[in-house]
Amino acid sequence: MEKLNFLEFVDAVKSEIEDKMGENVRIDIHDTVKNNGVTYKACSVIRKGSCASPNLRLDDFYEKYLDHYDLPTVAEEMVYVFKKYGNPQIDIHGFECFAQAKNRIVIKLVSYEENKERLQDIPYTPFLDLAITYCYVISRNNSAKTKASIQIENEHLAMWKIDKHTLHQTAMKNSAEIMPLRVSNMDDVIVEMLQHKGIEADSIRQDMENIQKEMPMYILSNQDNYFGASVICYPGVLKQMAEKLGTDLVILPSSIHEVIVLPVSGKEDYDEMDNMIKDINRDQVAKEEVLSNHFYYYKYSSEKLMIPSVSF
C-alpha cells in the first residue's frame, strides 16, 4: 500500500487518536517554534480540567510510519504516551503575578544570529555573539528538578509591569541557586556513558585518567543539564576554573545544555578546533540545541571571556 504524505498522515493519525482517546479530550495539532528557528508540527491531547499535555513531534512518528510502523501502531504508541503522561502534575500557579513567579525565572543562553527574528518578541541581554534569554521553570510532582519551562516574552514583562533589568537581575540570582553549577571530568562522563550502554568500562578507566592528566577537559553544566551552557554567565565560574588550572581557558560550546572547558597549553590548533565544533554541530547535535560554531577564549589576567576574532 502506498504511504501517506506527511499532511495526510497528520490528518489520519489525529482521527486514530480521537477514536482511541474517546470523549472529553481535545486533539490539538499545532506548529511549535524552538531555538535556532526550528519549527515542527506537534500533537497534544488536552483533557478536561488539565492545562498541559505532552507535545509530541509528528515528524518523529512520521519517520516511524515510513520506516516500518503501520498507522494504527503509530497512533497506539502516541496514545500510550498521552495516557501515561497526559495529566502531568505541573505547577504554574502564580505565573501571572511577578511576586509569585519571580523565584522560578532563570537564564538560557542561545545564539543571537540564529534567533535574531525571534528575539524581537523576547527580552534578552547581549552576551558576546550570544543572547541571554529568560525562562520560567516548571516544577513537576513537587520536585525542584525540571525539564519543562515557559519562554519569557515581552508580553510577560508587560503583564508583570517590570523592565528587562529587573528580569535579568532576578534570573541571574535564581539561576545559580536553583540550577547550580556542576563540573565533571571528561573521563568520568565517558565512563558513565559506556556503563549506561552496558559496556564494561573499568578496563579503560586508567587510560581515560591518563588522558585527562595529559589534556584535562571539564564539562560545565547545571545540576539538571538543562540549558546548562548558561553557567558560563554565572559570576566567578570561569575565573574559578582558570585559578584552579592556572591558565587561560578555551570554551567549546557543546550545546545549549553544556560546554567543555580545557586549559590553554599553547599547542592548540584553533582553526582545527572550530572545524571540529562545526562538524559535531552538523552531525551530532540537534539543530535546536546548537549554541555556537566556534570556541571562546577566557583570558585569566583580564578575567574576560572573548570571541576568537577579538582575542587573536
C-alpha atoms as a PDB file:
ATOM      1  CA  MET A   1       0.000   0.000   0.000  1.00  0.00           C
ATOM      2  CA  GLU A   2       1.259   3.448  -0.908  1.00  0.00           C
ATOM      3  CA  LYS A   3       2.325   5.512   2.081  1.00  0.00           C
ATOM      4  CA  LEU A   4       0.546   8.743   3.019  1.00  0.00           C
ATOM      5  CA  ASN A   5       2.341  12.030   2.601  1.00  0.00           C
ATOM      6  CA  PHE A   6       3.055  13.995   5.776  1.00  0.00           C
ATOM      7  CA  LEU A   7      -0.091  16.153   5.775  1.00  0.00           C
ATOM      8  CA  GLU A   8      -2.265  13.131   5.019  1.00  0.00           C
ATOM      9  CA  PHE A   9      -0.535  11.285   7.841  1.00  0.00           C
ATOM     10  CA  VAL A  10      -1.244  14.144  10.272  1.00  0.00           C
ATOM     11  CA  ASP A  11      -4.972  14.101   9.493  1.00  0.00           C
ATOM     12  CA  ALA A  12      -5.156  10.322   9.638  1.00  0.00           C
ATOM     13  CA  VAL A  13      -3.262   9.905  12.889  1.00  0.00           C
ATOM     14  CA  LYS A  14      -5.372  12.646  14.512  1.00  0.00           C
ATOM     15  CA  SER A  15      -8.518  10.669  13.643  1.00  0.00           C
ATOM     16  CA  GLU A  16      -6.983   7.468  15.009  1.00  0.00           C
ATOM     17  CA  ILE A  17      -6.077   9.173  18.277  1.00  0.00           C
ATOM     18  CA  GLU A  18      -9.553  10.695  18.610  1.00  0.00           C
ATOM     19  CA  ASP A  19     -11.091   7.230  18.254  1.00  0.00           C
ATOM     20  CA  LYS A  20      -8.725   5.693  20.805  1.00  0.00           C
ATOM     21  CA  MET A  21      -8.856   8.507  23.389  1.00  0.00           C
ATOM     22  CA  GLY A  22     -12.640   8.823  23.444  1.00  0.00           C
ATOM     23  CA  GLU A  23     -14.635  11.829  24.641  1.00  0.00           C
ATOM     24  CA  ASN A  24     -13.699  14.650  26.986  1.00  0.00           C
ATOM     25  CA  VAL A  25     -10.406  15.322  25.217  1.00  0.00           C
ATOM     26  CA  ARG A  26      -9.326  17.816  22.578  1.00  0.00           C
ATOM     27  CA  ILE A  27      -6.724  16.854  19.968  1.00  0.00           C
ATOM     28  CA  ASP A  28      -4.590  19.861  19.102  1.00  0.00           C
ATOM     29  CA  ILE A  29      -2.301  19.953  16.044  1.00  0.00           C
ATOM     30  CA  HIS A  30      -0.056  22.997  16.029  1.00  0.00           C
ATOM     31  CA  ASP A  31       3.302  24.401  14.958  1.00  0.00           C
ATOM     32  CA  THR A  32       5.897  24.702  17.718  1.00  0.00           C
ATOM     33  CA  VAL A  33       8.782  27.176  17.387  1.00  0.00           C
ATOM     34  CA  LYS A  34      12.000  26.107  19.089  1.00  0.00           C
ATOM     35  CA  ASN A  35      15.505  27.504  19.456  1.00  0.00           C
ATOM     36  CA  ASN A  36      17.537  28.424  16.339  1.00  0.00           C
ATOM     37  CA  GLY A  37      14.430  28.872  14.197  1.00  0.00           C
ATOM     38  CA  VAL A  38      13.469  25.191  14.318  1.00  0.00           C
ATOM     39  CA  THR A  39       9.736  24.721  13.753  1.00  0.00           C
ATOM     40  CA  TYR A  40       7.886  21.429  13.857  1.00  0.00           C
ATOM     41  CA  LYS A  41       4.295  20.247  13.800  1.00  0.00           C
ATOM     42  CA  ALA A  42       3.203  18.731  17.081  1.00  0.00           C
ATOM     43  CA  CYS A  43       0.233  16.960  18.589  1.00  0.00           C
ATOM     44  CA  SER A  44      -1.151  17.333  22.099  1.00  0.00           C
ATOM     45  CA  VAL A  45      -4.201  15.967  23.880  1.00  0.00           C
ATOM     46  CA  ILE A  46      -5.897  18.309  26.320  1.00  0.00           C
ATOM     47  CA  ARG A  47      -8.182  16.699  28.881  1.00  0.00           C
ATOM     48  CA  LYS A  48     -10.943  18.496  30.721  1.00  0.00           C
ATOM     49  CA  GLY A  49      -9.551  20.006  33.903  1.00  0.00           C
ATOM     50  CA  SER A  50      -5.967  19.896  32.647  1.00  0.00           C
ATOM     51  CA  CYS A  51      -3.911  22.741  31.222  1.00  0.00           C
ATOM     52  CA  ALA A  52      -0.967  20.682  29.954  1.00  0.00           C
ATOM     53  CA  SER A  53      -0.111  17.752  27.741  1.00  0.00           C
ATOM     54  CA  PRO A  54       2.945  16.113  26.244  1.00  0.00           C
ATOM     55  CA  ASN A  55       3.861  17.834  22.989  1.00  0.00           C
ATOM     56  CA  LEU A  56       4.703  15.023  20.546  1.00  0.00           C
ATOM     57  CA  ARG A  57       6.666  15.808  17.398  1.00  0.00           C
ATOM     58  CA  LEU A  58       4.703  14.442  14.469  1.00  0.00           C
ATOM     59  CA  ASP A  59       7.720  14.280  12.161  1.00  0.00           C
ATOM     60  CA  ASP A  60       9.322  11.733  14.531  1.00  0.00           C
ATOM     61  CA  PHE A  61       6.276   9.484  14.342  1.00  0.00           C
ATOM     62  CA  TYR A  62       6.007  10.005  10.590  1.00  0.00           C
ATOM     63  CA  GLU A  63       9.541   8.620  10.241  1.00  0.00           C
ATOM     64  CA  LYS A  64       8.447   5.511  12.143  1.00  0.00           C
ATOM     65  CA  TYR A  65       5.426   5.205   9.861  1.00  0.00           C
ATOM     66  CA  LEU A  66       7.604   5.444   6.751  1.00  0.00           C
ATOM     67  CA  ASP A  67      10.113   3.019   8.205  1.00  0.00           C
ATOM     68  CA  HIS A  68       8.138   0.030   9.494  1.00  0.00           C
ATOM     69  CA  TYR A  69       5.036   1.031  11.503  1.00  0.00           C
ATOM     70  CA  ASP A  70       1.507   1.000  10.151  1.00  0.00           C
ATOM     71  CA  LEU A  71      -0.806   3.884  11.029  1.00  0.00           C
ATOM     72  CA  PRO A  72      -2.733   2.144  13.874  1.00  0.00           C
ATOM     73  CA  THR A  73       0.548   1.142  15.540  1.00  0.00           C
ATOM     74  CA  VAL A  74       1.873   4.706  15.390  1.00  0.00           C
ATOM     75  CA  ALA A  75      -1.385   6.027  16.847  1.00  0.00           C
ATOM     76  CA  GLU A  76      -1.313   3.391  19.584  1.00  0.00           C
ATOM     77  CA  GLU A  77       2.202   4.409  20.608  1.00  0.00           C
ATOM     78  CA  MET A  78       1.184   8.074  20.751  1.00  0.00           C
ATOM     79  CA  VAL A  79      -1.917   7.239  22.790  1.00  0.00           C
ATOM     80  CA  TYR A  80       0.241   5.263  25.216  1.00  0.00           C
ATOM     81  CA  VAL A  81       2.413   8.343  25.818  1.00  0.00           C
ATOM     82  CA  PHE A  82      -0.618  10.601  26.194  1.00  0.00           C
ATOM     83  CA  LYS A  83      -2.279   8.265  28.688  1.00  0.00           C
ATOM     84  CA  LYS A  84       0.898   7.760  30.694  1.00  0.00           C
ATOM     85  CA  TYR A  85       1.979  11.407  30.780  1.00  0.00           C
ATOM     86  CA  GLY A  86      -1.202  13.168  29.699  1.00  0.00           C
ATOM     87  CA  ASN A  87      -2.083  14.665  33.053  1.00  0.00           C
ATOM     88  CA  PRO A  88       1.246  15.997  34.315  1.00  0.00           C
ATOM     89  CA  GLN A  89       1.170  17.470  37.777  1.00  0.00           C
ATOM     90  CA  ILE A  90       2.847  20.686  36.827  1.00  0.00           C
ATOM     91  CA  ASP A  91       2.545  23.853  38.797  1.00  0.00           C
ATOM     92  CA  ILE A  92       2.109  27.163  37.020  1.00  0.00           C
ATOM     93  CA  HIS A  93       0.085  28.666  39.835  1.00  0.00           C
ATOM     94  CA  GLY A  94       1.041  32.267  40.262  1.00  0.00           C
ATOM     95  CA  PHE A  95       2.695  32.719  36.862  1.00  0.00           C
ATOM     96  CA  GLU A  96       0.590  35.791  36.151  1.00  0.00           C
ATOM     97  CA  CYS A  97       1.875  37.510  39.284  1.00  0.00           C
ATOM     98  CA  PHE A  98       5.548  38.505  39.239  1.00  0.00           C
ATOM     99  CA  ALA A  99       5.809  38.423  43.037  1.00  0.00           C
ATOM    100  CA  GLN A 100       4.963  34.710  42.886  1.00  0.00           C
ATOM    101  CA  ALA A 101       6.625  33.877  39.557  1.00  0.00           C
ATOM    102  CA  LYS A 102       9.975  35.578  40.125  1.00  0.00           C
ATOM    103  CA  ASN A 103      11.576  32.759  42.137  1.00  0.00           C
ATOM    104  CA  ARG A 104      11.414  30.403  39.131  1.00  0.00           C
ATOM    105  CA  ILE A 105      12.860  32.659  36.449  1.00  0.00           C
ATOM    106  CA  VAL A 106      16.298  31.597  35.150  1.00  0.00           C
ATOM    107  CA  ILE A 107      18.598  32.405  32.237  1.00  0.00           C
ATOM    108  CA  LYS A 108      19.011  30.495  28.977  1.00  0.00           C
ATOM    109  CA  LEU A 109      21.944  31.154  26.623  1.00  0.00           C
ATOM    110  CA  VAL A 110      21.285  30.984  22.861  1.00  0.00           C
ATOM    111  CA  SER A 111      22.836  32.074  19.583  1.00  0.00           C
ATOM    112  CA  TYR A 112      21.962  35.668  18.723  1.00  0.00           C
ATOM    113  CA  GLU A 113      22.294  35.293  14.958  1.00  0.00           C
ATOM    114  CA  GLU A 114      20.236  32.083  14.744  1.00  0.00           C
ATOM    115  CA  ASN A 115      17.442  33.604  16.838  1.00  0.00           C
ATOM    116  CA  LYS A 116      17.543  37.196  15.617  1.00  0.00           C
ATOM    117  CA  GLU A 117      13.964  37.237  14.357  1.00  0.00           C
ATOM    118  CA  ARG A 118      12.505  35.518  17.413  1.00  0.00           C
ATOM    119  CA  LEU A 119      14.396  37.827  19.758  1.00  0.00           C
ATOM    120  CA  GLN A 120      12.226  40.708  18.548  1.00  0.00           C
ATOM    121  CA  ASP A 121       9.489  39.263  20.783  1.00  0.00           C
ATOM    122  CA  ILE A 122      11.734  38.032  23.593  1.00  0.00           C
ATOM    123  CA  PRO A 123      13.593  40.093  26.196  1.00  0.00           C
ATOM    124  CA  TYR A 124      17.317  39.363  26.027  1.00  0.00           C
ATOM    125  CA  THR A 125      20.688  40.661  27.124  1.00  0.00           C
ATOM    126  CA  PRO A 126      23.594  40.569  24.610  1.00  0.00           C
ATOM    127  CA  PHE A 127      26.482  38.339  25.647  1.00  0.00           C
ATOM    128  CA  LEU A 128      29.322  38.402  23.092  1.00  0.00           C
ATOM    129  CA  ASP A 129      27.702  36.985  19.932  1.00  0.00           C
ATOM    130  CA  LEU A 130      25.129  35.136  22.047  1.00  0.00           C
ATOM    131  CA  ALA A 131      21.966  36.233  23.827  1.00  0.00           C
ATOM    132  CA  ILE A 132      20.885  35.655  27.405  1.00  0.00           C
ATOM    133  CA  THR A 133      17.155  34.915  27.366  1.00  0.00           C
ATOM    134  CA  TYR A 134      14.874  34.027  30.248  1.00  0.00           C
ATOM    135  CA  CYS A 135      12.617  31.105  31.195  1.00  0.00           C
ATOM    136  CA  TYR A 136      10.136  30.260  33.907  1.00  0.00           C
ATOM    137  CA  VAL A 137      10.922  26.745  35.108  1.00  0.00           C
ATOM    138  CA  ILE A 138       8.031  24.437  35.943  1.00  0.00           C
ATOM    139  CA  SER A 139       8.212  22.017  38.849  1.00  0.00           C
ATOM    140  CA  ARG A 140       6.693  18.557  38.443  1.00  0.00           C
ATOM    141  CA  ASN A 141       5.358  16.404  41.247  1.00  0.00           C
ATOM    142  CA  ASN A 142       6.703  18.876  43.817  1.00  0.00           C
ATOM    143  CA  SER A 143      10.258  18.200  42.652  1.00  0.00           C
ATOM    144  CA  ALA A 144      12.784  21.012  42.368  1.00  0.00           C
ATOM    145  CA  LYS A 145      14.278  19.372  39.284  1.00  0.00           C
ATOM    146  CA  THR A 146      12.611  20.111  35.985  1.00  0.00           C
ATOM    147  CA  LYS A 147      12.974  19.804  32.258  1.00  0.00           C
ATOM    148  CA  ALA A 148       9.995  21.954  31.371  1.00  0.00           C
ATOM    149  CA  SER A 149       9.866  25.710  31.054  1.00  0.00           C
ATOM    150  CA  ILE A 150       7.986  28.689  29.655  1.00  0.00           C
ATOM    151  CA  GLN A 151       9.929  31.108  27.478  1.00  0.00           C
ATOM    152  CA  ILE A 152       9.613  34.637  28.857  1.00  0.00           C
ATOM    153  CA  GLU A 153       8.368  37.017  26.154  1.00  0.00           C
ATOM    154  CA  ASN A 154       7.901  40.778  26.010  1.00  0.00           C
ATOM    155  CA  GLU A 155       4.193  40.406  26.729  1.00  0.00           C
ATOM    156  CA  HIS A 156       5.043  38.786  30.059  1.00  0.00           C
ATOM    157  CA  LEU A 157       7.073  41.835  31.089  1.00  0.00           C
ATOM    158  CA  ALA A 158       4.056  43.999  30.296  1.00  0.00           C
ATOM    159  CA  MET A 159       1.814  41.663  32.291  1.00  0.00           C
ATOM    160  CA  TRP A 160       4.214  41.746  35.269  1.00  0.00           C
ATOM    161  CA  LYS A 161       4.814  45.503  34.921  1.00  0.00           C
ATOM    162  CA  ILE A 162       8.601  45.120  35.191  1.00  0.00           C
ATOM    163  CA  ASP A 163      11.532  46.114  32.968  1.00  0.00           C
ATOM    164  CA  LYS A 164      14.266  43.956  31.452  1.00  0.00           C
ATOM    165  CA  HIS A 165      16.831  44.998  34.037  1.00  0.00           C
ATOM    166  CA  THR A 166      14.654  43.657  36.852  1.00  0.00           C
ATOM    167  CA  LEU A 167      14.085  40.457  34.897  1.00  0.00           C
ATOM    168  CA  HIS A 168      17.809  39.993  34.288  1.00  0.00           C
ATOM    169  CA  GLN A 169      18.820  40.627  37.880  1.00  0.00           C
ATOM    170  CA  THR A 170      16.142  38.232  39.121  1.00  0.00           C
ATOM    171  CA  ALA A 171      17.118  35.472  36.674  1.00  0.00           C
ATOM    172  CA  MET A 172      20.847  35.745  37.362  1.00  0.00           C
ATOM    173  CA  LYS A 173      20.287  35.412  41.096  1.00  0.00           C
ATOM    174  CA  ASN A 174      17.908  32.474  40.727  1.00  0.00           C
ATOM    175  CA  SER A 175      19.958  30.520  38.192  1.00  0.00           C
ATOM    176  CA  ALA A 176      22.948  29.973  40.444  1.00  0.00           C
ATOM    177  CA  GLU A 177      20.644  28.971  43.302  1.00  0.00           C
ATOM    178  CA  ILE A 178      18.068  26.645  41.704  1.00  0.00           C
ATOM    179  CA  MET A 179      20.242  25.430  38.805  1.00  0.00           C
ATOM    180  CA  PRO A 180      23.685  25.357  40.473  1.00  0.00           C
ATOM    181  CA  LEU A 181      26.937  24.707  38.644  1.00  0.00           C
ATOM    182  CA  ARG A 182      28.072  21.133  38.017  1.00  0.00           C
ATOM    183  CA  VAL A 183      31.656  20.423  36.913  1.00  0.00           C
ATOM    184  CA  SER A 184      32.539  16.947  35.620  1.00  0.00           C
ATOM    185  CA  ASN A 185      35.799  15.427  34.393  1.00  0.00           C
ATOM    186  CA  MET A 186      35.514  14.304  30.800  1.00  0.00           C
ATOM    187  CA  ASP A 187      36.804  10.821  31.627  1.00  0.00           C
ATOM    188  CA  ASP A 188      34.116  10.312  34.269  1.00  0.00           C
ATOM    189  CA  VAL A 189      31.426  11.320  31.789  1.00  0.00           C
ATOM    190  CA  ILE A 190      32.691   8.949  29.090  1.00  0.00           C
ATOM    191  CA  VAL A 191      32.940   6.026  31.535  1.00  0.00           C
ATOM    192  CA  GLU A 192      29.414   6.763  32.753  1.00  0.00           C
ATOM    193  CA  MET A 193      28.115   6.825  29.173  1.00  0.00           C
ATOM    194  CA  LEU A 194      29.732   3.474  28.414  1.00  0.00           C
ATOM    195  CA  GLN A 195      28.302   1.918  31.552  1.00  0.00           C
ATOM    196  CA  HIS A 196      24.862   3.270  30.690  1.00  0.00           C
ATOM    197  CA  LYS A 197      25.124   1.419  27.370  1.00  0.00           C
ATOM    198  CA  GLY A 198      26.069  -1.789  29.191  1.00  0.00           C
ATOM    199  CA  ILE A 199      29.728  -1.629  28.209  1.00  0.00           C
ATOM    200  CA  GLU A 200      32.305  -2.659  30.818  1.00  0.00           C
ATOM    201  CA  ALA A 201      34.340   0.485  31.356  1.00  0.00           C
ATOM    202  CA  ASP A 202      36.713  -0.487  34.166  1.00  0.00           C
ATOM    203  CA  SER A 203      39.332  -1.673  31.690  1.00  0.00           C
ATOM    204  CA  ILE A 204      39.610   1.746  30.056  1.00  0.00           C
ATOM    205  CA  ARG A 205      39.236   3.866  33.193  1.00  0.00           C
ATOM    206  CA  GLN A 206      43.011   4.057  33.759  1.00  0.00           C
ATOM    207  CA  ASP A 207      43.595   5.019  30.123  1.00  0.00           C
ATOM    208  CA  MET A 208      40.970   7.744  30.428  1.00  0.00           C
ATOM    209  CA  GLU A 209      42.552   9.045  33.627  1.00  0.00           C
ATOM    210  CA  ASN A 210      45.953   9.197  31.912  1.00  0.00           C
ATOM    211  CA  ILE A 211      44.468  11.153  29.010  1.00  0.00           C
ATOM    212  CA  GLN A 212      42.782  13.513  31.472  1.00  0.00           C
ATOM    213  CA  LYS A 213      46.135  14.189  33.135  1.00  0.00           C
ATOM    214  CA  GLU A 214      47.799  14.985  29.810  1.00  0.00           C
ATOM    215  CA  MET A 215      44.913  17.079  28.443  1.00  0.00           C
ATOM    216  CA  PRO A 216      42.417  17.866  31.196  1.00  0.00           C
ATOM    217  CA  MET A 217      38.899  18.578  29.932  1.00  0.00           C
ATOM    218  CA  TYR A 218      35.917  19.518  32.024  1.00  0.00           C
ATOM    219  CA  ILE A 219      32.203  19.622  31.276  1.00  0.00           C
ATOM    220  CA  LEU A 220      30.371  22.578  32.750  1.00  0.00           C
ATOM    221  CA  SER A 221      26.595  22.498  33.105  1.00  0.00           C
ATOM    222  CA  ASN A 222      23.979  22.844  35.812  1.00  0.00           C
ATOM    223  CA  GLN A 223      22.692  20.063  38.055  1.00  0.00           C
ATOM    224  CA  ASP A 224      19.815  19.257  35.679  1.00  0.00           C
ATOM    225  CA  ASN A 225      21.920  19.512  32.495  1.00  0.00           C
ATOM    226  CA  TYR A 226      19.093  21.719  31.203  1.00  0.00           C
ATOM    227  CA  PHE A 227      20.148  24.942  29.432  1.00  0.00           C
ATOM    228  CA  GLY A 228      23.399  24.363  31.304  1.00  0.00           C
ATOM    229  CA  ALA A 229      25.672  26.295  28.914  1.00  0.00           C
ATOM    230  CA  SER A 230      24.374  29.382  30.688  1.00  0.00           C
ATOM    231  CA  VAL A 231      26.657  28.605  33.660  1.00  0.00           C
ATOM    232  CA  ILE A 232      29.448  30.470  31.840  1.00  0.00           C
ATOM    233  CA  CYS A 233      27.420  33.609  32.621  1.00  0.00           C
ATOM    234  CA  TYR A 234      27.368  32.857  36.354  1.00  0.00           C
ATOM    235  CA  PRO A 235      29.606  35.316  38.233  1.00  0.00           C
ATOM    236  CA  GLY A 236      33.029  33.888  39.039  1.00  0.00           C
ATOM    237  CA  VAL A 237      32.628  30.477  37.382  1.00  0.00           C
ATOM    238  CA  LEU A 238      35.269  30.867  34.669  1.00  0.00           C
ATOM    239  CA  LYS A 239      37.552  32.811  36.997  1.00  0.00           C
ATOM    240  CA  GLN A 240      37.497  29.938  39.495  1.00  0.00           C
ATOM    241  CA  MET A 241      38.215  27.392  36.732  1.00  0.00           C
ATOM    242  CA  ALA A 242      41.153  29.483  35.484  1.00  0.00           C
ATOM    243  CA  GLU A 243      42.505  29.834  39.020  1.00  0.00           C
ATOM    244  CA  LYS A 244      42.223  26.088  39.548  1.00  0.00           C
ATOM    245  CA  LEU A 245      44.082  25.324  36.327  1.00  0.00           C
ATOM    246  CA  GLY A 246      46.425  28.322  36.487  1.00  0.00           C
ATOM    247  CA  THR A 247      45.957  29.287  32.859  1.00  0.00           C
ATOM    248  CA  ASP A 248      43.681  30.824  30.248  1.00  0.00           C
ATOM    249  CA  LEU A 249      40.738  28.703  29.131  1.00  0.00           C
ATOM    250  CA  VAL A 250      39.263  27.507  25.863  1.00  0.00           C
ATOM    251  CA  ILE A 251      35.477  27.095  25.948  1.00  0.00           C
ATOM    252  CA  LEU A 252      33.946  24.635  23.484  1.00  0.00           C
ATOM    253  CA  PRO A 253      30.164  25.124  23.069  1.00  0.00           C
ATOM    254  CA  SER A 254      28.961  21.534  23.193  1.00  0.00           C
ATOM    255  CA  SER A 255      25.265  22.558  23.101  1.00  0.00           C
ATOM    256  CA  ILE A 256      22.840  24.903  24.840  1.00  0.00           C
ATOM    257  CA  HIS A 257      22.949  22.395  27.709  1.00  0.00           C
ATOM    258  CA  GLU A 258      26.695  22.248  28.406  1.00  0.00           C
ATOM    259  CA  VAL A 259      30.155  23.494  27.463  1.00  0.00           C
ATOM    260  CA  ILE A 260      33.583  21.849  27.508  1.00  0.00           C
ATOM    261  CA  VAL A 261      36.442  23.718  29.164  1.00  0.00           C
ATOM    262  CA  LEU A 262      40.143  22.976  28.704  1.00  0.00           C
ATOM    263  CA  PRO A 263      43.271  24.834  29.813  1.00  0.00           C
ATOM    264  CA  VAL A 264      45.330  26.612  27.168  1.00  0.00           C
ATOM    265  CA  SER A 265      48.566  24.749  26.545  1.00  0.00           C
ATOM    266  CA  GLY A 266      49.923  26.811  23.642  1.00  0.00           C
ATOM    267  CA  LYS A 267      49.741  23.816  21.308  1.00  0.00           C
ATOM    268  CA  GLU A 268      46.139  24.308  20.196  1.00  0.00           C
ATOM    269  CA  ASP A 269      45.234  24.490  16.531  1.00  0.00           C
ATOM    270  CA  TYR A 270      42.349  26.932  16.766  1.00  0.00           C
ATOM    271  CA  ASP A 271      41.229  26.547  13.148  1.00  0.00           C
ATOM    272  CA  GLU A 272      41.041  22.806  13.637  1.00  0.00           C
ATOM    273  CA  MET A 273      39.112  23.352  16.855  1.00  0.00           C
ATOM    274  CA  ASP A 274      36.494  25.481  15.079  1.00  0.00           C
ATOM    275  CA  ASN A 275      36.189  22.924  12.286  1.00  0.00           C
ATOM    276  CA  MET A 276      35.657  20.186  14.863  1.00  0.00           C
ATOM    277  CA  ILE A 277      32.883  22.205  16.547  1.00  0.00           C
ATOM    278  CA  LYS A 278      31.147  22.764  13.207  1.00  0.00           C
ATOM    279  CA  ASP A 279      31.374  19.072  12.301  1.00  0.00           C
ATOM    280  CA  ILE A 280      29.968  17.961  15.652  1.00  0.00           C
ATOM    281  CA  ASN A 281      27.154  20.507  15.476  1.00  0.00           C
ATOM    282  CA  ARG A 282      26.246  19.347  11.985  1.00  0.00           C
ATOM    283  CA  ASP A 283      26.407  15.605  12.623  1.00  0.00           C
ATOM    284  CA  GLN A 284      25.725  15.022  16.313  1.00  0.00           C
ATOM    285  CA  VAL A 285      23.783  17.927  17.835  1.00  0.00           C
ATOM    286  CA  ALA A 286      20.108  18.586  17.176  1.00  0.00           C
ATOM    287  CA  LYS A 287      19.768  21.908  15.354  1.00  0.00           C
ATOM    288  CA  GLU A 288      17.649  23.424  18.129  1.00  0.00           C
ATOM    289  CA  GLU A 289      20.380  22.593  20.671  1.00  0.00           C
ATOM    290  CA  VAL A 290      23.341  24.160  18.828  1.00  0.00           C
ATOM    291  CA  LEU A 291      24.849  27.098  20.707  1.00  0.00           C
ATOM    292  CA  SER A 292      27.737  28.310  18.529  1.00  0.00           C
ATOM    293  CA  ASN A 293      30.019  27.170  15.712  1.00  0.00           C
ATOM    294  CA  HIS A 294      33.243  28.469  17.248  1.00  0.00           C
ATOM    295  CA  PHE A 295      35.151  28.345  20.517  1.00  0.00           C
ATOM    296  CA  TYR A 296      35.512  31.093  23.115  1.00  0.00           C
ATOM    297  CA  TYR A 297      38.619  32.216  24.969  1.00  0.00           C
ATOM    298  CA  TYR A 298      38.794  33.210  28.631  1.00  0.00           C
ATOM    299  CA  LYS A 299      41.784  35.412  29.480  1.00  0.00           C
ATOM    300  CA  TYR A 300      42.850  34.785  33.059  1.00  0.00           C
ATOM    301  CA  SER A 301      44.754  38.065  33.547  1.00  0.00           C
ATOM    302  CA  SER A 302      41.868  40.322  32.489  1.00  0.00           C
ATOM    303  CA  GLU A 303      39.057  37.986  33.637  1.00  0.00           C
ATOM    304  CA  LYS A 304      37.318  38.363  30.269  1.00  0.00           C
ATOM    305  CA  LEU A 305      35.577  35.890  28.009  1.00  0.00           C
ATOM    306  CA  MET A 306      36.236  36.757  24.362  1.00  0.00           C
ATOM    307  CA  ILE A 307      35.255  35.839  20.836  1.00  0.00           C
ATOM    308  CA  PRO A 308      38.227  34.323  18.917  1.00  0.00           C
ATOM    309  CA  SER A 309      38.235  37.037  16.270  1.00  0.00           C
ATOM    310  CA  VAL A 310      38.611  39.591  19.053  1.00  0.00           C
ATOM    311  CA  SER A 311      41.181  37.735  21.134  1.00  0.00           C
ATOM    312  CA  PHE A 312      43.517  36.630  18.328  1.00  0.00           C
END
